[in-house]
């Protein structure tokens, strides 16, 4: 039961989060802002490392020079045709996974929720399976559209199933619908791939989860979807703070619960669908990063979303660089590295503190 003192007034600037004393609130806000600046600096450093480090050794001075002046040399071709698109894709996919994970956990009030909980990842995988197995699509750019359509249809199906009947689409009903749809889609994918070895051989390169082998065309395709999903997610930060106190309290604070949930589901579909379509299924980023953000700055969704938007690409690009260094002269796919990094980190967070949303 929530006390009256713990609930902010509808017109307050906290969006439903308990308000500290004014002097302390100013200090906390300053520290949070400083943390964002540090995260931005770290993201710039990791992005530069992503452009510099690779299977082909290029001195940092040469990398820096050709980064601003494409002179047509071999080093410039490697940097501009391969590493810059890979880095930009990592930035977009990281932002999408981090924000969608934070949004999923806030909407479902489930600290273990991740973008795959509502069947979005399996929906994208099903789209790729259909493209490969039935239509003969063989390029990463072709996969993107089918994966995104699959993710969108899966999101709509989960919401329809979760809202069927007289009861509203509560977080519990959506999670159950997502689990049921995931089981059905997994069975369908397995049947198609087992019956078609060539489709399985092509699908396994996408499903491992990697940032390599994608060009600027893929970045351009997913950019509008990530941008639209990010705008919707950030606009929902204040209503999500109120919903964290419960649906009834949220309604009392003036939040339109149904509208917030629908818009949140649309944002998750856009963000997670675009990320999964472009890079394949990448786990633990959307699950662990929001917990790291809450551990650092508390439960205010405005700050959680902002920090997740920066910390997730830092983690993803850092994992991609680490995979290239450890696997040299080849590389280890980023999804494998994030699993090794994310699982122990998430276990440490679980042991250190209770996984609470507020």
Protein backbone atom coordinates (compact mmCIF):
# COMPACT_ATOMS: atom_id res chain seq x y z
CA UNK A 1 0.00 0.00 0.00
CA UNK A 2 1.42 3.41 -0.96
CA UNK A 3 1.26 6.25 1.52
CA UNK A 4 0.00 9.64 0.45
CA UNK A 5 3.32 11.28 1.32
CA UNK A 6 5.18 8.95 -1.04
CA UNK A 7 3.14 9.97 -4.07
CA UNK A 8 3.99 13.13 -5.92
CA UNK A 9 1.25 15.51 -6.97
CA UNK A 10 0.21 15.39 -10.61
CA UNK A 11 1.79 18.77 -11.28
CA UNK A 12 5.11 18.03 -9.62
CA UNK A 13 8.31 17.62 -11.59
CA UNK A 14 9.03 14.12 -10.33
CA UNK A 15 6.47 12.22 -12.40
CA UNK A 16 5.30 10.11 -9.45
CA UNK A 17 8.71 9.39 -7.89
CA UNK A 18 9.13 10.31 -4.17
CA UNK A 19 10.77 13.74 -3.93
CA UNK A 20 13.86 14.36 -1.78
CA UNK A 21 14.40 17.70 0.02
CA UNK A 22 15.10 20.62 -2.39
CA UNK A 23 18.80 21.03 -1.49
CA UNK A 24 19.51 17.32 -1.73
CA UNK A 25 17.47 17.07 -4.91
CA UNK A 26 19.68 19.69 -6.57
CA UNK A 27 22.82 17.79 -5.56
CA UNK A 28 21.42 14.49 -6.80
CA UNK A 29 20.41 16.06 -10.13
CA UNK A 30 23.88 17.57 -10.56
CA UNK A 31 25.55 14.21 -9.87
CA UNK A 32 23.23 12.46 -12.31
CA UNK A 33 23.99 15.04 -14.98
CA UNK A 34 27.72 14.63 -14.36
CA UNK A 35 27.29 10.88 -14.70
CA UNK A 36 25.64 11.39 -18.09
CA UNK A 37 28.59 13.49 -19.25
CA UNK A 38 31.01 10.77 -18.12
CA UNK A 39 28.92 8.18 -19.99
CA UNK A 40 28.98 10.32 -23.15
CA UNK A 41 32.79 10.59 -22.90
CA UNK A 42 33.08 6.83 -22.39
CA UNK A 43 30.85 6.21 -25.40
CA UNK A 44 33.06 8.44 -27.57
CA UNK A 45 36.17 6.53 -26.45
CA UNK A 46 34.58 3.13 -27.09
CA UNK A 47 33.36 4.30 -30.51
CA UNK A 48 36.88 5.39 -31.46
CA UNK A 49 38.23 2.02 -30.31
CA UNK A 50 35.59 0.30 -32.44
CA UNK A 51 36.80 2.22 -35.50
CA UNK A 52 40.47 1.61 -34.71
CA UNK A 53 40.59 -2.03 -33.55
CA UNK A 54 40.05 -4.80 -36.07
CA UNK A 55 41.49 -7.89 -37.70
CA UNK A 56 43.57 -5.63 -39.96
CA UNK A 57 46.08 -3.67 -37.87
CA UNK A 58 46.00 0.06 -38.65
CA UNK A 59 48.00 2.55 -36.54
CA UNK A 60 45.85 4.95 -34.53
CA UNK A 61 47.35 8.02 -36.24
CA UNK A 62 46.47 6.62 -39.65
CA UNK A 63 42.98 5.72 -38.43
CA UNK A 64 42.47 9.25 -37.11
CA UNK A 65 43.68 10.84 -40.35
CA UNK A 66 41.58 8.76 -42.74
CA UNK A 67 38.59 9.10 -40.41
CA UNK A 68 38.30 12.73 -41.52
CA UNK A 69 39.92 12.43 -44.96
CA UNK A 70 38.95 9.49 -47.16
CA UNK A 71 41.99 9.39 -49.43
CA UNK A 72 41.03 6.12 -51.13
CA UNK A 73 43.83 4.12 -49.54
CA UNK A 74 43.37 0.57 -48.27
CA UNK A 75 43.20 1.87 -44.72
CA UNK A 76 40.53 4.40 -45.70
CA UNK A 77 38.46 1.71 -47.42
CA UNK A 78 38.60 -0.51 -44.32
CA UNK A 79 37.66 2.38 -42.03
CA UNK A 80 34.87 3.94 -44.11
CA UNK A 81 33.36 0.85 -45.73
CA UNK A 82 33.52 -1.57 -42.83
CA UNK A 83 34.39 -0.17 -39.42
CA UNK A 84 32.39 3.06 -39.41
CA UNK A 85 29.14 1.33 -40.53
CA UNK A 86 29.80 -1.38 -37.93
CA UNK A 87 30.30 1.22 -35.19
CA UNK A 88 27.20 3.20 -36.18
CA UNK A 89 25.18 -0.01 -36.25
CA UNK A 90 26.48 -0.88 -32.78
CA UNK A 91 25.41 2.54 -31.51
CA UNK A 92 21.89 2.18 -32.91
CA UNK A 93 21.44 -1.44 -31.81
CA UNK A 94 22.81 -0.67 -28.34
CA UNK A 95 20.50 2.31 -27.86
CA UNK A 96 17.52 0.28 -29.08
CA UNK A 97 18.22 -2.72 -26.83
CA UNK A 98 18.96 -0.65 -23.73
CA UNK A 99 15.90 1.60 -23.99
CA UNK A 100 13.55 -1.22 -24.99
CA UNK A 101 14.77 -3.30 -22.04
CA UNK A 102 14.17 -0.45 -19.59
CA UNK A 103 10.77 0.15 -21.15
CA UNK A 104 9.81 -3.52 -20.94
CA UNK A 105 10.75 -3.73 -17.26
CA UNK A 106 8.80 -0.57 -16.47
CA UNK A 107 5.69 -1.59 -18.42
CA UNK A 108 5.48 -5.10 -16.98
CA UNK A 109 6.86 -4.13 -13.53
CA UNK A 110 8.98 -7.26 -13.93
CA UNK A 111 12.71 -6.79 -13.14
CA UNK A 112 13.57 -9.88 -15.21
CA UNK A 113 11.83 -8.66 -18.36
CA UNK A 114 13.81 -8.20 -21.52
CA UNK A 115 12.87 -7.37 -25.13
CA UNK A 116 12.35 -11.06 -25.90
CA UNK A 117 9.68 -11.49 -23.25
CA UNK A 118 6.79 -10.52 -25.52
CA UNK A 119 7.92 -12.68 -28.43
CA UNK A 120 9.56 -9.84 -30.35
CA UNK A 121 12.87 -11.68 -30.85
CA UNK A 122 11.14 -14.90 -31.96
CA UNK A 123 8.89 -12.88 -34.25
CA UNK A 124 11.95 -11.37 -35.92
CA UNK A 125 13.54 -14.82 -36.18
CA UNK A 126 10.38 -16.18 -37.79
CA UNK A 127 10.48 -13.42 -40.37
CA UNK A 128 14.06 -14.36 -41.25
CA UNK A 129 13.16 -18.07 -41.43
CA UNK A 130 10.30 -17.33 -43.82
CA UNK A 131 12.54 -15.10 -45.94
CA UNK A 132 15.27 -17.74 -46.20
CA UNK A 133 13.22 -20.93 -46.29
CA UNK A 134 10.36 -19.88 -48.57
CA UNK A 135 11.50 -16.80 -50.50
CA UNK A 136 15.22 -17.45 -50.95
CA UNK A 137 16.36 -14.11 -49.51
CA UNK A 138 20.12 -14.22 -48.95
CA UNK A 139 21.29 -10.71 -47.99
CA UNK A 140 21.42 -8.94 -44.62
CA UNK A 141 19.48 -6.01 -46.09
CA UNK A 142 16.72 -8.37 -47.17
CA UNK A 143 16.59 -9.99 -43.74
CA UNK A 144 16.00 -6.62 -42.08
CA UNK A 145 12.59 -6.02 -43.60
CA UNK A 146 11.28 -9.53 -42.99
CA UNK A 147 12.65 -9.58 -39.44
CA UNK A 148 11.05 -6.25 -38.67
CA UNK A 149 7.69 -7.32 -40.08
CA UNK A 150 7.90 -10.54 -38.04
CA UNK A 151 8.66 -8.57 -34.86
CA UNK A 152 5.77 -6.19 -35.55
CA UNK A 153 3.28 -8.99 -36.17
CA UNK A 154 4.43 -10.83 -33.05
CA UNK A 155 3.96 -7.67 -30.94
CA UNK A 156 0.45 -7.15 -32.30
CA UNK A 157 -0.44 -10.82 -31.76
CA UNK A 158 0.76 -10.70 -28.13
CA UNK A 159 -1.30 -7.59 -27.43
CA UNK A 160 -4.40 -9.05 -29.08
CA UNK A 161 -4.05 -12.31 -27.11
CA UNK A 162 -3.29 -10.45 -23.88
CA UNK A 163 -6.33 -8.20 -24.22
CA UNK A 164 -8.77 -10.91 -25.35
CA UNK A 165 -11.91 -11.23 -23.27
CA UNK A 166 -13.29 -8.75 -20.79
CA UNK A 167 -10.14 -8.36 -18.71
CA UNK A 168 -7.71 -5.57 -19.69
CA UNK A 169 -4.24 -6.23 -21.10
CA UNK A 170 -2.40 -6.39 -17.78
CA UNK A 171 1.38 -7.02 -17.62
CA UNK A 172 0.75 -10.58 -16.41
CA UNK A 173 -1.58 -11.39 -19.32
CA UNK A 174 0.88 -9.93 -21.82
CA UNK A 175 3.76 -11.99 -20.42
CA UNK A 176 1.68 -15.20 -20.59
CA UNK A 177 0.61 -14.38 -24.16
CA UNK A 178 4.24 -13.69 -25.07
CA UNK A 179 5.37 -17.02 -23.63
CA UNK A 180 2.66 -18.89 -25.53
CA UNK A 181 3.46 -17.17 -28.82
CA UNK A 182 7.19 -17.76 -28.31
CA UNK A 183 6.59 -21.50 -27.93
CA UNK A 184 4.52 -21.63 -31.13
CA UNK A 185 7.01 -19.61 -33.17
CA UNK A 186 9.96 -21.64 -31.87
CA UNK A 187 8.24 -24.87 -32.95
CA UNK A 188 7.50 -23.41 -36.40
CA UNK A 189 11.07 -22.21 -36.88
CA UNK A 190 12.51 -25.54 -35.76
CA UNK A 191 10.26 -27.49 -38.15
CA UNK A 192 11.19 -25.32 -41.15
CA UNK A 193 14.92 -25.37 -40.43
CA UNK A 194 15.06 -29.11 -39.76
CA UNK A 195 13.29 -29.86 -43.03
CA UNK A 196 15.49 -27.48 -45.04
CA UNK A 197 19.25 -27.86 -44.33
CA UNK A 198 20.15 -25.02 -46.71
CA UNK A 199 17.83 -22.64 -44.87
CA UNK A 200 19.34 -23.75 -41.56
CA UNK A 201 22.85 -23.14 -42.86
CA UNK A 202 21.96 -19.58 -43.90
CA UNK A 203 19.90 -18.86 -40.77
CA UNK A 204 22.62 -19.83 -38.31
CA UNK A 205 24.85 -16.97 -39.49
CA UNK A 206 22.12 -14.45 -38.67
CA UNK A 207 20.92 -15.98 -35.42
CA UNK A 208 24.37 -15.92 -33.77
CA UNK A 209 24.06 -12.13 -33.35
CA UNK A 210 26.81 -9.96 -34.87
CA UNK A 211 27.55 -6.42 -36.00
CA UNK A 212 29.88 -7.53 -38.78
CA UNK A 213 28.95 -7.92 -42.42
CA UNK A 214 26.45 -5.04 -42.40
CA UNK A 215 26.88 -1.90 -44.46
CA UNK A 216 25.54 1.63 -44.28
CA UNK A 217 22.42 0.49 -46.14
CA UNK A 218 21.32 -1.49 -43.06
CA UNK A 219 22.10 1.48 -40.80
CA UNK A 220 19.98 3.76 -42.97
CA UNK A 221 17.09 1.28 -42.96
CA UNK A 222 16.81 0.91 -39.17
CA UNK A 223 17.62 4.54 -38.25
CA UNK A 224 14.04 5.91 -38.68
CA UNK A 225 12.55 3.06 -36.64
CA UNK A 226 15.05 3.48 -33.79
CA UNK A 227 14.53 7.25 -33.79
CA UNK A 228 10.73 6.92 -33.69
CA UNK A 229 10.85 4.32 -30.92
CA UNK A 230 13.26 6.46 -28.90
CA UNK A 231 11.03 9.53 -29.13
CA UNK A 232 8.00 7.54 -27.93
CA UNK A 233 9.97 5.91 -25.09
CA UNK A 234 11.34 9.20 -23.77
CA UNK A 235 7.88 10.77 -23.95
CA UNK A 236 6.55 7.97 -21.71
CA UNK A 237 9.12 8.44 -18.94
CA UNK A 238 6.90 10.58 -16.72
CA UNK A 239 3.77 8.37 -17.04
CA UNK A 240 5.90 5.28 -16.34
CA UNK A 241 7.05 6.82 -13.06
CA UNK A 242 3.41 7.09 -11.99
CA UNK A 243 2.54 3.58 -13.20
CA UNK A 244 5.36 2.17 -11.07
CA UNK A 245 3.16 2.96 -8.07
CA UNK A 246 0.33 0.84 -9.50
CA UNK A 247 -2.40 1.30 -12.08
CA UNK A 248 -4.88 2.83 -9.65
CA UNK A 249 -2.38 5.34 -8.32
CA UNK A 250 -1.31 6.12 -11.87
CA UNK A 251 -4.90 6.83 -12.87
CA UNK A 252 -5.29 9.03 -9.81
CA UNK A 253 -2.24 10.99 -10.96
CA UNK A 254 -3.85 11.54 -14.36
CA UNK A 255 -2.08 8.83 -16.37
CA UNK A 256 -4.03 7.14 -19.16
CA UNK A 257 -2.93 3.59 -18.40
CA UNK A 258 -4.17 1.88 -21.56
CA UNK A 259 -2.73 4.53 -23.86
CA UNK A 260 0.62 4.41 -22.07
CA UNK A 261 0.82 0.63 -22.41
CA UNK A 262 -0.10 0.66 -26.10
CA UNK A 263 2.47 3.37 -26.89
CA UNK A 264 5.05 1.50 -24.81
CA UNK A 265 4.40 -1.69 -26.76
CA UNK A 266 4.76 0.23 -30.04
CA UNK A 267 8.10 1.67 -28.86
CA UNK A 268 9.37 -1.78 -27.84
CA UNK A 269 8.29 -3.19 -31.21
CA UNK A 270 10.11 -0.43 -33.12
CA UNK A 271 13.29 -0.54 -31.03
CA UNK A 272 13.68 -4.26 -30.47
CA UNK A 273 12.39 -5.16 -33.92
CA UNK A 274 14.90 -2.88 -35.65
CA UNK A 275 17.82 -4.02 -33.46
CA UNK A 276 17.07 -7.72 -33.84
CA UNK A 277 16.45 -7.38 -37.56
CA UNK A 278 19.79 -5.68 -38.14
CA UNK A 279 22.12 -7.62 -35.83
CA UNK A 280 20.26 -10.81 -34.91
CA UNK A 281 19.26 -11.82 -31.37
CA UNK A 282 21.62 -10.28 -28.80
CA UNK A 283 20.91 -11.17 -25.19
CA UNK A 284 21.57 -9.64 -21.77
CA UNK A 285 22.03 -6.05 -23.00
CA UNK A 286 18.37 -5.12 -22.60
CA UNK A 287 18.16 -7.19 -19.40
CA UNK A 288 21.24 -6.05 -17.47
CA UNK A 289 21.74 -2.42 -18.53
CA UNK A 290 18.51 -1.01 -16.98
CA UNK A 291 19.51 -2.62 -13.66
CA UNK A 292 22.93 -1.00 -13.88
CA UNK A 293 21.23 2.34 -14.55
CA UNK A 294 18.85 1.96 -11.59
CA UNK A 295 21.76 0.88 -9.38
CA UNK A 296 23.58 4.09 -10.31
CA UNK A 297 20.82 6.71 -10.24
CA UNK A 298 17.64 5.23 -8.72
CA UNK A 299 14.21 4.38 -10.13
CA UNK A 300 13.27 7.63 -11.90
CA UNK A 301 12.45 6.45 -15.43
CA UNK A 302 13.54 9.72 -16.99
CA UNK A 303 17.10 9.08 -15.81
CA UNK A 304 16.91 5.30 -16.27
CA UNK A 305 16.02 5.70 -19.94
CA UNK A 306 18.70 8.35 -20.47
CA UNK A 307 21.41 6.25 -18.82
CA UNK A 308 20.28 3.07 -20.61
CA UNK A 309 20.51 4.93 -23.90
CA UNK A 310 24.24 5.53 -23.24
CA UNK A 311 25.32 2.51 -21.20
CA UNK A 312 23.88 -0.08 -23.61
CA UNK A 313 25.93 1.00 -26.67
CA UNK A 314 29.02 1.27 -24.43
CA UNK A 315 28.50 -2.35 -23.39
CA UNK A 316 27.69 -3.55 -26.90
CA UNK A 317 30.56 -1.77 -28.67
CA UNK A 318 32.96 -2.73 -25.87
CA UNK A 319 31.91 -6.37 -26.24
CA UNK A 320 32.37 -6.14 -30.01
CA UNK A 321 35.89 -4.71 -29.61
CA UNK A 322 36.74 -7.37 -27.02
CA UNK A 323 35.53 -10.09 -29.38
CA UNK A 324 37.83 -8.79 -32.11
CA UNK A 325 40.83 -8.62 -29.76
CA UNK A 326 40.34 -12.01 -28.10
CA UNK A 327 39.45 -13.79 -31.34
CA UNK A 328 42.25 -12.27 -33.43
CA UNK A 329 43.03 -12.91 -36.28
CA UNK A 330 39.34 -13.78 -36.51
CA UNK A 331 36.63 -12.54 -34.16
CA UNK A 332 34.08 -13.74 -31.62
CA UNK A 333 30.53 -12.61 -32.40
CA UNK A 334 29.22 -9.88 -30.14
CA UNK A 335 26.22 -11.89 -28.89
CA UNK A 336 28.59 -14.52 -27.49
CA UNK A 337 30.68 -11.88 -25.73
CA UNK A 338 27.66 -10.09 -24.24
CA UNK A 339 26.44 -13.43 -22.88
CA UNK A 340 29.79 -14.00 -21.14
CA UNK A 341 29.88 -10.43 -19.81
CA UNK A 342 26.20 -9.92 -19.09
CA UNK A 343 25.41 -13.12 -17.22
CA UNK A 344 27.99 -12.70 -14.40
CA UNK A 345 27.23 -8.99 -14.19
CA UNK A 346 23.52 -9.65 -13.83
CA UNK A 347 24.13 -12.35 -11.21
CA UNK A 348 26.31 -9.90 -9.26
CA UNK A 349 23.53 -7.31 -9.36
CA UNK A 350 21.02 -9.89 -8.13
CA UNK A 351 23.26 -10.80 -5.19
CA UNK A 352 24.10 -7.21 -4.31
CA UNK A 353 20.58 -5.85 -4.00
CA UNK A 354 16.96 -6.76 -4.44
CA UNK A 355 15.64 -6.37 -7.97
CA UNK A 356 12.94 -3.82 -7.36
CA UNK A 357 11.39 -1.36 -9.76
CA UNK A 358 10.76 1.39 -7.20
